[in-house]
């Protein structure tokens, strides 16, 4: 898990942002970026939005978030993508997505895909 803190919503409080990439006990995988309300109590944080969890990625196999970069109200996520015919899921693409806080949500602004194979 990779985390950062930044006031992305303009409310004066830093929002915790987590890049989550883990295998759960029931065999499912959780791969997404979670943004929490910086004003909620630490013992019961309120999720503002989850990003990229349902995104099939450029190869249709999903994305595995690796790093998060924050600047002002912009959130940048680098994720790995892998080909569907690779049983080991070895990544061959680095996908970079840019999001911006707008009207109460993070909206996608751009995507860059780089072949790293």
C-alpha atoms as a PDB file:
ATOM      1  CA  UNK A   1       0.000   0.000   0.000  1.00  0.00           C
ATOM      2  CA  UNK A   2       1.279   3.425  -0.987  1.00  0.00           C
ATOM      3  CA  UNK A   3      -0.157   6.569   0.698  1.00  0.00           C
ATOM      4  CA  UNK A   4       0.051  10.349   0.377  1.00  0.00           C
ATOM      5  CA  UNK A   5      -1.703  13.346   1.969  1.00  0.00           C
ATOM      6  CA  UNK A   6      -2.752  16.548   0.170  1.00  0.00           C
ATOM      7  CA  UNK A   7      -5.628  19.015   0.278  1.00  0.00           C
ATOM      8  CA  UNK A   8      -7.115  18.054  -3.074  1.00  0.00           C
ATOM      9  CA  UNK A   9     -10.663  19.283  -2.437  1.00  0.00           C
ATOM     10  CA  UNK A  10      -9.804  22.835  -1.344  1.00  0.00           C
ATOM     11  CA  UNK A  11     -11.373  22.493   2.110  1.00  0.00           C
ATOM     12  CA  UNK A  12      -8.109  23.220   3.946  1.00  0.00           C
ATOM     13  CA  UNK A  13      -7.657  19.649   5.223  1.00  0.00           C
ATOM     14  CA  UNK A  14      -5.303  17.098   3.621  1.00  0.00           C
ATOM     15  CA  UNK A  15      -7.060  14.069   2.164  1.00  0.00           C
ATOM     16  CA  UNK A  16      -5.414  10.662   2.668  1.00  0.00           C
ATOM     17  CA  UNK A  17      -4.864   8.980  -0.692  1.00  0.00           C
ATOM     18  CA  UNK A  18      -4.007   5.266  -0.781  1.00  0.00           C
ATOM     19  CA  UNK A  19      -2.845   3.137  -3.699  1.00  0.00           C
ATOM     20  CA  UNK A  20      -4.165  -0.307  -2.766  1.00  0.00           C
ATOM     21  CA  UNK A  21      -2.951  -3.466  -4.468  1.00  0.00           C
ATOM     22  CA  UNK A  22      -3.554  -6.575  -2.405  1.00  0.00           C
ATOM     23  CA  UNK A  23      -4.918 -10.112  -2.517  1.00  0.00           C
ATOM     24  CA  UNK A  24      -7.780 -10.692  -0.082  1.00  0.00           C
ATOM     25  CA  UNK A  25      -8.372 -13.836   1.941  1.00  0.00           C
ATOM     26  CA  UNK A  26     -11.354 -14.861  -0.204  1.00  0.00           C
ATOM     27  CA  UNK A  27      -9.147 -14.942  -3.326  1.00  0.00           C
ATOM     28  CA  UNK A  28     -10.270 -11.629  -4.781  1.00  0.00           C
ATOM     29  CA  UNK A  29      -7.894  -8.776  -5.536  1.00  0.00           C
ATOM     30  CA  UNK A  30      -8.331  -5.177  -4.502  1.00  0.00           C
ATOM     31  CA  UNK A  31      -6.579  -2.854  -6.941  1.00  0.00           C
ATOM     32  CA  UNK A  32      -7.636   0.773  -6.715  1.00  0.00           C
ATOM     33  CA  UNK A  33      -6.797   4.222  -5.436  1.00  0.00           C
ATOM     34  CA  UNK A  34      -8.864   5.333  -2.431  1.00  0.00           C
ATOM     35  CA  UNK A  35      -9.326   8.971  -1.435  1.00  0.00           C
ATOM     36  CA  UNK A  36     -10.648   9.673   2.077  1.00  0.00           C
ATOM     37  CA  UNK A  37     -12.141  12.795   3.630  1.00  0.00           C
ATOM     38  CA  UNK A  38      -9.417  14.539   5.608  1.00  0.00           C
ATOM     39  CA  UNK A  39     -12.017  15.935   8.026  1.00  0.00           C
ATOM     40  CA  UNK A  40     -13.512  12.593   9.053  1.00  0.00           C
ATOM     41  CA  UNK A  41     -12.472  10.930  12.341  1.00  0.00           C
ATOM     42  CA  UNK A  42      -9.366   8.705  12.029  1.00  0.00           C
ATOM     43  CA  UNK A  43     -11.216   5.759  13.617  1.00  0.00           C
ATOM     44  CA  UNK A  44     -13.975   5.928  10.955  1.00  0.00           C
ATOM     45  CA  UNK A  45     -12.581   7.561   7.811  1.00  0.00           C
ATOM     46  CA  UNK A  46     -15.106   8.462   5.109  1.00  0.00           C
ATOM     47  CA  UNK A  47     -14.262   7.283   1.609  1.00  0.00           C
ATOM     48  CA  UNK A  48     -14.735  10.126  -0.880  1.00  0.00           C
ATOM     49  CA  UNK A  49     -14.031   8.132  -4.017  1.00  0.00           C
ATOM     50  CA  UNK A  50     -12.319   4.959  -5.268  1.00  0.00           C
ATOM     51  CA  UNK A  51     -10.493   5.283  -8.593  1.00  0.00           C
ATOM     52  CA  UNK A  52      -9.392   2.744 -11.230  1.00  0.00           C
ATOM     53  CA  UNK A  53     -10.839  -0.314  -9.450  1.00  0.00           C
ATOM     54  CA  UNK A  54     -13.293  -1.036 -12.271  1.00  0.00           C
ATOM     55  CA  UNK A  55     -11.023   0.198 -15.058  1.00  0.00           C
ATOM     56  CA  UNK A  56     -10.172  -2.669 -17.438  1.00  0.00           C
ATOM     57  CA  UNK A  57      -6.997  -0.878 -18.540  1.00  0.00           C
ATOM     58  CA  UNK A  58      -5.653  -0.857 -22.077  1.00  0.00           C
ATOM     59  CA  UNK A  59      -5.328  -4.661 -22.209  1.00  0.00           C
ATOM     60  CA  UNK A  60      -8.637  -5.573 -20.537  1.00  0.00           C
ATOM     61  CA  UNK A  61      -6.949  -7.217 -17.541  1.00  0.00           C
ATOM     62  CA  UNK A  62      -7.300  -4.357 -15.050  1.00  0.00           C
ATOM     63  CA  UNK A  63      -4.726  -2.062 -13.512  1.00  0.00           C
ATOM     64  CA  UNK A  64      -2.447  -2.455 -10.490  1.00  0.00           C
ATOM     65  CA  UNK A  65      -1.800   1.011  -8.985  1.00  0.00           C
ATOM     66  CA  UNK A  66       1.832   1.463  -7.963  1.00  0.00           C
ATOM     67  CA  UNK A  67       2.461   5.139  -7.178  1.00  0.00           C
ATOM     68  CA  UNK A  68       0.463   8.287  -6.481  1.00  0.00           C
ATOM     69  CA  UNK A  69       1.661  11.850  -7.027  1.00  0.00           C
ATOM     70  CA  UNK A  70      -0.280  14.851  -5.707  1.00  0.00           C
ATOM     71  CA  UNK A  71      -0.019  18.486  -6.737  1.00  0.00           C
ATOM     72  CA  UNK A  72      -2.643  21.110  -5.902  1.00  0.00           C
ATOM     73  CA  UNK A  73      -5.984  19.589  -6.883  1.00  0.00           C
ATOM     74  CA  UNK A  74      -4.374  17.122  -9.316  1.00  0.00           C
ATOM     75  CA  UNK A  75      -3.909  13.423  -8.574  1.00  0.00           C
ATOM     76  CA  UNK A  76      -1.615  11.336 -10.801  1.00  0.00           C
ATOM     77  CA  UNK A  77      -1.547   7.536 -10.597  1.00  0.00           C
ATOM     78  CA  UNK A  78       0.956   5.178 -12.215  1.00  0.00           C
ATOM     79  CA  UNK A  79      -0.333   1.636 -12.638  1.00  0.00           C
ATOM     80  CA  UNK A  80       0.878  -1.584 -14.209  1.00  0.00           C
ATOM     81  CA  UNK A  81      -1.022  -3.434 -16.932  1.00  0.00           C
ATOM     82  CA  UNK A  82      -0.346  -6.946 -18.230  1.00  0.00           C
ATOM     83  CA  UNK A  83      -1.365  -8.924 -21.307  1.00  0.00           C
ATOM     84  CA  UNK A  84      -4.291 -11.351 -21.060  1.00  0.00           C
ATOM     85  CA  UNK A  85      -2.218 -14.277 -22.379  1.00  0.00           C
ATOM     86  CA  UNK A  86       0.379 -14.023 -19.559  1.00  0.00           C
ATOM     87  CA  UNK A  87      -0.660 -16.413 -16.737  1.00  0.00           C
ATOM     88  CA  UNK A  88       1.865 -14.809 -14.356  1.00  0.00           C
ATOM     89  CA  UNK A  89       0.478 -11.315 -14.991  1.00  0.00           C
ATOM     90  CA  UNK A  90       3.902  -9.841 -15.786  1.00  0.00           C
ATOM     91  CA  UNK A  91       3.326  -6.159 -16.546  1.00  0.00           C
ATOM     92  CA  UNK A  92       4.353  -4.855 -19.933  1.00  0.00           C
ATOM     93  CA  UNK A  93       2.657  -1.447 -19.849  1.00  0.00           C
ATOM     94  CA  UNK A  94       3.006   1.484 -17.463  1.00  0.00           C
ATOM     95  CA  UNK A  95      -0.259   3.445 -17.427  1.00  0.00           C
ATOM     96  CA  UNK A  96      -0.292   6.977 -16.023  1.00  0.00           C
ATOM     97  CA  UNK A  97      -3.659   8.613 -15.291  1.00  0.00           C
ATOM     98  CA  UNK A  98      -4.289  12.205 -14.291  1.00  0.00           C
ATOM     99  CA  UNK A  99      -7.373  13.201 -12.269  1.00  0.00           C
ATOM    100  CA  UNK A 100      -8.583  16.602 -11.071  1.00  0.00           C
ATOM    101  CA  UNK A 101     -11.074  17.502  -8.333  1.00  0.00           C
ATOM    102  CA  UNK A 102     -14.113  19.046 -10.007  1.00  0.00           C
ATOM    103  CA  UNK A 103     -17.695  19.528  -8.776  1.00  0.00           C
ATOM    104  CA  UNK A 104     -17.318  17.095  -5.867  1.00  0.00           C
ATOM    105  CA  UNK A 105     -15.580  14.270  -7.738  1.00  0.00           C
ATOM    106  CA  UNK A 106     -12.248  13.303  -9.203  1.00  0.00           C
ATOM    107  CA  UNK A 107     -12.597  13.346 -12.971  1.00  0.00           C
ATOM    108  CA  UNK A 108     -10.140  11.754 -15.392  1.00  0.00           C
ATOM    109  CA  UNK A 109      -8.196  14.345 -17.376  1.00  0.00           C
ATOM    110  CA  UNK A 110      -5.621  12.328 -19.317  1.00  0.00           C
ATOM    111  CA  UNK A 111      -3.991   8.918 -19.747  1.00  0.00           C
ATOM    112  CA  UNK A 112      -0.523   7.979 -21.003  1.00  0.00           C
ATOM    113  CA  UNK A 113       0.440   4.386 -21.852  1.00  0.00           C
ATOM    114  CA  UNK A 114       4.108   3.380 -22.099  1.00  0.00           C
ATOM    115  CA  UNK A 115       5.351  -0.006 -23.317  1.00  0.00           C
ATOM    116  CA  UNK A 116       8.022  -1.224 -20.877  1.00  0.00           C
ATOM    117  CA  UNK A 117       8.504  -4.743 -22.257  1.00  0.00           C
END
